[in-house]
């Protein structure tokens, strides 16, 4: 029996996901797939089984790293805003 194997692009289209999302979820272990060298490969049968078992559950697929990075960036922006100085003062400090 020949098993249908798909590229990341084909699997993403099949699942109606973005390729980057599919790769991120696969690296995190949420989607069944294998990396062969620099390429990702996906078994249609494994994807069908994954979908039958419930597929993506939003809470399980939230990228904790992305959330933490967003919170850190927001904190950096808040700190940066407190350090803003008027343009005229910035020119003086720079000797312009």
N, C-alpha and C. Protein backbone atom coordinates (compact mmCIF):
# COMPACT_ATOMS: atom_id res chain seq x y z
N UNK A 1 0.85 -1.18 0.00
CA UNK A 1 0.00 0.00 0.00
C UNK A 1 0.90 1.24 0.00
N UNK A 2 0.68 2.13 -0.94
CA UNK A 2 1.46 3.35 -1.04
C UNK A 2 0.80 4.43 -0.19
N UNK A 3 1.58 5.04 0.67
CA UNK A 3 1.07 6.09 1.55
C UNK A 3 1.31 7.44 0.88
N UNK A 4 0.28 8.29 0.83
CA UNK A 4 0.44 9.60 0.22
C UNK A 4 1.22 10.51 1.16
N UNK A 5 2.30 11.04 0.65
CA UNK A 5 3.17 11.94 1.40
C UNK A 5 3.05 13.32 0.78
N UNK A 6 2.93 14.33 1.62
CA UNK A 6 2.75 15.70 1.14
C UNK A 6 3.89 16.59 1.62
N UNK A 7 4.17 17.62 0.83
CA UNK A 7 5.11 18.67 1.23
C UNK A 7 4.40 19.57 2.24
N UNK A 8 5.15 20.49 2.84
CA UNK A 8 4.54 21.44 3.78
C UNK A 8 3.49 22.29 3.08
N UNK A 9 3.76 22.71 1.86
CA UNK A 9 2.81 23.53 1.11
C UNK A 9 1.52 22.75 0.85
N UNK A 10 1.66 21.50 0.41
CA UNK A 10 0.49 20.67 0.12
C UNK A 10 -0.31 20.39 1.39
N UNK A 11 0.40 20.08 2.48
CA UNK A 11 -0.28 19.79 3.75
C UNK A 11 -0.99 21.03 4.28
N UNK A 12 -0.35 22.19 4.15
CA UNK A 12 -0.97 23.44 4.61
C UNK A 12 -2.24 23.71 3.81
N UNK A 13 -2.20 23.51 2.51
CA UNK A 13 -3.39 23.71 1.69
C UNK A 13 -4.48 22.71 2.09
N UNK A 14 -4.10 21.47 2.32
CA UNK A 14 -5.05 20.42 2.71
C UNK A 14 -5.73 20.79 4.03
N UNK A 15 -4.95 21.31 4.99
CA UNK A 15 -5.48 21.67 6.30
C UNK A 15 -6.04 23.09 6.36
N UNK A 16 -5.84 23.83 5.26
CA UNK A 16 -6.26 25.24 5.18
C UNK A 16 -5.60 26.07 6.27
N UNK A 17 -4.29 25.89 6.36
CA UNK A 17 -3.45 26.63 7.30
C UNK A 17 -2.37 27.35 6.51
N UNK A 18 -1.76 28.34 7.12
CA UNK A 18 -0.58 28.94 6.54
C UNK A 18 0.59 27.99 6.70
N UNK A 19 1.52 28.03 5.77
CA UNK A 19 2.69 27.14 5.83
C UNK A 19 3.49 27.40 7.11
N UNK A 20 3.70 28.66 7.46
CA UNK A 20 4.46 28.97 8.67
C UNK A 20 3.77 28.45 9.91
N UNK A 21 2.46 28.58 9.96
CA UNK A 21 1.68 28.06 11.10
C UNK A 21 1.84 26.55 11.19
N UNK A 22 1.70 25.87 10.05
CA UNK A 22 1.85 24.41 10.03
C UNK A 22 3.23 23.99 10.53
N UNK A 23 4.26 24.65 10.05
CA UNK A 23 5.62 24.30 10.48
C UNK A 23 5.82 24.57 11.97
N UNK A 24 5.30 25.68 12.46
CA UNK A 24 5.43 26.01 13.89
C UNK A 24 4.72 24.97 14.74
N UNK A 25 3.49 24.62 14.36
CA UNK A 25 2.73 23.63 15.11
C UNK A 25 3.40 22.26 15.05
N UNK A 26 4.01 21.94 13.90
CA UNK A 26 4.68 20.65 13.76
C UNK A 26 5.93 20.61 14.63
N UNK A 27 6.72 21.69 14.61
CA UNK A 27 7.91 21.75 15.47
C UNK A 27 7.53 21.61 16.94
N UNK A 28 6.39 22.17 17.31
CA UNK A 28 5.93 22.11 18.71
C UNK A 28 5.33 20.75 19.05
N UNK A 29 5.18 19.88 18.06
CA UNK A 29 4.64 18.54 18.31
C UNK A 29 3.13 18.44 18.26
N UNK A 30 2.46 19.48 17.78
CA UNK A 30 1.00 19.46 17.72
C UNK A 30 0.46 18.80 16.47
N UNK A 31 1.22 18.80 15.39
CA UNK A 31 0.79 18.23 14.12
C UNK A 31 1.80 17.15 13.74
N UNK A 32 1.31 15.98 13.28
CA UNK A 32 2.24 14.92 12.89
C UNK A 32 2.96 15.25 11.59
N UNK A 33 4.27 15.21 11.62
CA UNK A 33 5.07 15.47 10.44
C UNK A 33 6.52 15.13 10.73
N UNK A 34 7.30 15.00 9.67
CA UNK A 34 8.71 14.65 9.81
C UNK A 34 9.55 15.60 8.98
N UNK A 35 10.70 15.90 9.50
CA UNK A 35 11.65 16.71 8.76
C UNK A 35 12.67 15.77 8.12
N UNK A 36 12.85 15.94 6.82
CA UNK A 36 13.83 15.14 6.09
C UNK A 36 14.82 16.14 5.51
N UNK A 37 15.98 16.22 6.11
CA UNK A 37 16.93 17.25 5.72
C UNK A 37 16.35 18.61 6.09
N UNK A 38 16.18 19.46 5.08
CA UNK A 38 15.62 20.80 5.32
C UNK A 38 14.14 20.87 4.96
N UNK A 39 13.57 19.76 4.55
CA UNK A 39 12.19 19.74 4.07
C UNK A 39 11.28 19.02 5.06
N UNK A 40 10.04 19.52 5.15
CA UNK A 40 9.03 18.85 5.97
C UNK A 40 8.20 17.94 5.07
N UNK A 41 7.80 16.78 5.61
CA UNK A 41 6.93 15.86 4.90
C UNK A 41 5.81 15.43 5.85
N UNK A 42 4.63 15.25 5.28
CA UNK A 42 3.44 14.94 6.06
C UNK A 42 2.70 13.78 5.41
N UNK A 43 2.30 12.83 6.23
CA UNK A 43 1.50 11.70 5.77
C UNK A 43 0.03 12.11 5.79
N UNK A 44 -0.65 11.94 4.66
CA UNK A 44 -2.07 12.28 4.59
C UNK A 44 -2.85 11.44 5.60
N UNK A 45 -2.49 10.16 5.72
CA UNK A 45 -3.19 9.27 6.67
C UNK A 45 -3.01 9.77 8.11
N UNK A 46 -1.78 10.20 8.46
CA UNK A 46 -1.53 10.70 9.81
C UNK A 46 -2.29 12.01 10.06
N UNK A 47 -2.35 12.88 9.04
CA UNK A 47 -3.10 14.13 9.19
C UNK A 47 -4.59 13.85 9.35
N UNK A 48 -5.11 12.89 8.57
CA UNK A 48 -6.53 12.53 8.69
C UNK A 48 -6.84 11.99 10.08
N UNK A 49 -5.93 11.17 10.61
CA UNK A 49 -6.11 10.61 11.96
C UNK A 49 -6.07 11.73 13.00
N UNK A 50 -5.13 12.66 12.83
CA UNK A 50 -5.00 13.80 13.74
C UNK A 50 -6.28 14.63 13.73
N UNK A 51 -6.84 14.86 12.55
CA UNK A 51 -8.09 15.62 12.44
C UNK A 51 -9.24 14.86 13.10
N UNK A 52 -9.29 13.55 12.90
CA UNK A 52 -10.36 12.73 13.48
C UNK A 52 -10.30 12.73 15.00
N UNK A 53 -9.09 12.88 15.55
CA UNK A 53 -8.91 12.91 17.01
C UNK A 53 -9.17 14.28 17.61
N UNK A 54 -9.47 15.25 16.76
CA UNK A 54 -9.78 16.58 17.28
C UNK A 54 -8.97 17.68 16.65
N UNK A 55 -7.89 17.32 15.97
CA UNK A 55 -7.10 18.32 15.28
C UNK A 55 -6.66 19.43 16.20
N UNK A 56 -6.64 20.63 15.67
CA UNK A 56 -6.14 21.75 16.48
C UNK A 56 -7.14 22.18 17.54
N UNK A 57 -6.68 22.25 18.73
CA UNK A 57 -7.47 22.84 19.81
C UNK A 57 -6.77 24.14 20.14
N UNK A 58 -7.45 25.24 20.00
CA UNK A 58 -6.82 26.55 20.11
C UNK A 58 -5.98 26.69 21.37
N UNK A 59 -6.53 26.28 22.50
CA UNK A 59 -5.78 26.44 23.75
C UNK A 59 -4.48 25.65 23.72
N UNK A 60 -4.48 24.50 23.10
CA UNK A 60 -3.28 23.67 23.06
C UNK A 60 -2.25 24.22 22.08
N UNK A 61 -2.71 25.01 21.12
CA UNK A 61 -1.81 25.47 20.08
C UNK A 61 -1.33 26.90 20.28
N UNK A 62 -1.76 27.55 21.35
CA UNK A 62 -1.28 28.90 21.61
C UNK A 62 0.22 28.83 21.82
N UNK A 63 0.93 29.59 21.06
CA UNK A 63 2.37 29.58 21.14
C UNK A 63 2.79 30.40 22.35
N UNK A 64 3.15 29.71 23.43
CA UNK A 64 3.51 30.39 24.67
C UNK A 64 4.69 31.33 24.46
N UNK A 65 5.63 30.92 23.64
CA UNK A 65 6.77 31.78 23.36
C UNK A 65 6.36 33.08 22.70
N UNK A 66 5.40 33.01 21.80
CA UNK A 66 4.91 34.21 21.14
C UNK A 66 4.23 35.13 22.14
N UNK A 67 3.43 34.55 23.03
CA UNK A 67 2.76 35.36 24.05
C UNK A 67 3.78 36.05 24.95
N UNK A 68 4.80 35.31 25.36
CA UNK A 68 5.82 35.89 26.23
C UNK A 68 6.59 36.99 25.51
N UNK A 69 6.91 36.76 24.24
CA UNK A 69 7.63 37.78 23.46
C UNK A 69 6.78 39.03 23.29
N UNK A 70 5.48 38.86 23.10
CA UNK A 70 4.59 40.00 22.95
C UNK A 70 4.53 40.80 24.24
N UNK A 71 4.40 40.10 25.36
CA UNK A 71 4.36 40.79 26.64
C UNK A 71 5.67 41.52 26.91
N UNK A 72 6.80 40.89 26.56
CA UNK A 72 8.10 41.53 26.76
C UNK A 72 8.24 42.77 25.88
N UNK A 73 7.78 42.67 24.65
CA UNK A 73 7.84 43.82 23.73
C UNK A 73 6.97 44.97 24.23
N UNK A 74 5.80 44.63 24.75
CA UNK A 74 4.91 45.67 25.28
C UNK A 74 5.56 46.36 26.48
N UNK A 75 6.23 45.59 27.32
CA UNK A 75 6.92 46.18 28.47
C UNK A 75 8.06 47.08 28.00
N UNK A 76 8.79 46.64 26.96
CA UNK A 76 9.88 47.46 26.41
C UNK A 76 9.34 48.77 25.85
N UNK A 77 8.20 48.72 25.19
CA UNK A 77 7.60 49.94 24.64
C UNK A 77 7.22 50.89 25.77
N UNK A 78 6.64 50.33 26.83
CA UNK A 78 6.26 51.17 27.96
C UNK A 78 7.48 51.84 28.58
N UNK A 79 8.57 51.10 28.73
CA UNK A 79 9.80 51.67 29.28
C UNK A 79 10.36 52.71 28.33
N UNK A 80 10.35 52.39 27.03
CA UNK A 80 10.86 53.32 26.03
C UNK A 80 10.09 54.63 26.02
N UNK A 81 8.80 54.55 26.17
CA UNK A 81 7.98 55.76 26.18
C UNK A 81 8.34 56.66 27.36
N UNK A 82 8.69 56.04 28.47
CA UNK A 82 9.04 56.85 29.64
C UNK A 82 10.39 57.54 29.45
N UNK A 83 11.17 57.08 28.48
CA UNK A 83 12.49 57.66 28.23
C UNK A 83 12.48 58.65 27.07
N UNK A 84 11.33 58.89 26.47
CA UNK A 84 11.25 59.82 25.36
C UNK A 84 11.57 61.24 25.82
N UNK A 85 12.27 61.96 24.96
CA UNK A 85 12.59 63.36 25.24
C UNK A 85 12.16 64.19 24.04
N UNK A 86 11.84 65.44 24.25
CA UNK A 86 11.47 66.31 23.14
C UNK A 86 12.61 66.40 22.13
N UNK A 87 12.29 66.62 20.86
CA UNK A 87 13.27 66.69 19.79
C UNK A 87 14.35 67.74 20.05
N UNK A 88 13.96 68.91 20.50
CA UNK A 88 14.93 69.96 20.77
C UNK A 88 15.95 69.53 21.82
N UNK A 89 15.48 68.85 22.85
CA UNK A 89 16.39 68.38 23.90
C UNK A 89 17.30 67.28 23.35
N UNK A 90 16.76 66.41 22.52
CA UNK A 90 17.58 65.35 21.92
C UNK A 90 18.68 65.96 21.06
N UNK A 91 18.36 67.00 20.28
CA UNK A 91 19.38 67.66 19.45
C UNK A 91 20.49 68.24 20.32
N UNK A 92 20.10 68.87 21.45
CA UNK A 92 21.10 69.45 22.35
C UNK A 92 22.03 68.36 22.88
N UNK A 93 21.44 67.25 23.31
CA UNK A 93 22.24 66.16 23.87
C UNK A 93 23.20 65.60 22.82
N UNK A 94 22.80 65.61 21.57
CA UNK A 94 23.63 65.11 20.50
C UNK A 94 24.57 66.15 19.93
N UNK A 95 24.46 67.36 20.42
CA UNK A 95 25.31 68.44 19.96
C UNK A 95 24.96 68.90 18.56
N UNK A 96 23.73 68.81 18.19
CA UNK A 96 23.29 69.24 16.86
C UNK A 96 22.77 70.67 16.87
